[in-house]
Amino acid sequence: MSSQRKQQRTNNRQIGLFIVLIITIYIISQFFKLINRNDISSYQVREGSLAISSVYTGIAIREEKIFQCTDTGFINYLAREGEHLASGDLLYIIDEGGALDELLNQDNLGENSLSDQDLSNLRTDIINFNSTFDKSDFSKVYDFLYAMDGSILKLANMNILKELDGERANINLDLVKLNRAPQAGYVVYHTDGYENVSDNGITSEMFDTAQYEKHQMINNTLVEQGQDVYKMITSENWTLVIPLEEKRALELMGESYVEIKFLSTQETVWAGIRVQQLGDEFYAYLSLNNSVVTFCNERFIDIELVTHNEQGLKIPISAIDHRQFNVVPEAYRIDRIDANNSTFLRKTFLEDGQQSSEVVSVSVYAENDEGIYVDTNQLKIGDYLLMENSMSENAVSQVGELVGVYCINQGYAEFRQIVILYQNDEYAIIQKNTPSGINEYDYIVLDASVVSPDDFIFE
């Protein structure tokens, strides 16, 4: 009896040690599994949009013609910069002998005040400048100063013109030359050397604003015969040229129109687009037939180019996976169980070597002209499919790739095909209501690289 008890205690001790060993091994394995596993985060699919936009600085190419002075003297402009003149409208006065200064200094000239409409126009100009002024481009302050100075002197000069025909203007009018616009257009009082640039004449150096020089024409200054005194924009049609990186250029080559936003005015318009490669550089030529007067005194114009605004289901790029499937002919399908499952007849062999067959149910992930995409573990390369009621057979040999995400609504990673409409570096917009796809409010794996098909997900 004593030896039996000892043997029993020994057996119990061994069993206990064995159980402890099993528990220890399990705890250690679970510990290593825990520290080595990647955390699986989910993402709820929601509807959204993806606007792909970029900001560019473009060069304005317009129909511009420079005009020279026909006399020598002090020039006084009668038209505001950007004003549209008809052929024959008064444009400027050349005062060869100082007659206008003499008239201004006469005590009997009378009050030379501005009308309410004149003051309203000046106030509008000031408000517009203040709303669009950028401290980083301080040079525009001088442009505004010259424009305001010209506007005020123009209004004063118009009042003086009224006196030139009056009895009190007892001065030598032969030395005052009135000059009229030779053709219709918008008048501009500066040159910059870009007036005759053609589409094919654009170079990357032209976009260097630090090297850009504008030659302003100043009111009431001495000018010589043959000197540039103004230019005219003679057409409403103009082109804005922007440089493009190669990838963006290739994307836009198939486009006919794009939507652009002028950053200074926040105005949005549609423009015709043509992409051209000049040497190693790519340029987009944006054709416009409006807004020429708004930017008539600007050569460099900042725009936002919006080329995509896709609507659909918005998902992170990290959730997308590319998975290989075997592709089988649709003609060999026996029955369609539902949208996600079908049956096929597979060739088999009995133990004695005789040919037989079996019906297999497989998951269907997609269907297209190539065939039916099935799991590689359910129908393998080299399996033979039999056509029902026929001697025809076909070996599984074609492999195809599907783009998709892992849906985890059921607690495991279920691959679902997606159709990407557009994507950037962070998100993709995918088509809604695709067969065997995903829907709004579905949960998917945020990082597809941390899961495998059919993995169970523990929240």
Foldseek 3Di string as FASTA:
>chain_A
DVVVVVVVVVVVVVVVVVVVVVVVVVVVVVVVCVVPADAWDKDFWAWDKDWDKDKFKWFKAFQKDWDFAAAWAAKAFQDAALDKDAAFAWGIKGQHDCLLVVLVPDPPLDDLDDDPVLVVVLVVLVVLCVLQDDPVCVVVVVVSVQRSVNSVRNSSVVSVVVVCPPPVSPDPCVRMDIDTHRHIFGKHFKDWPCHPQDPLNDDPVVPPVVPTDIGGAHHRDIDHGGHTGIMGRHALKIKIKTWDDPVVLVVCQPDQKWWKAFPSVRDIDIWGWHWDDRPNTIMIITIDRHPCSVCVHPGITMMMTTHGIDIAIKAWPQQKDKDKFFFDAPQQWDADPDLFKTKFKWWDADPVGHIDIDIFMFTFQDQDPRHTTTHCVRQPAQIKTDRPPDPDIDGGHDMDMFMFGFFCPPQWTATHGWAFPDDDNTMTGTHAPDRRHDHGRTMTTRHRVSDDHGGGRDD
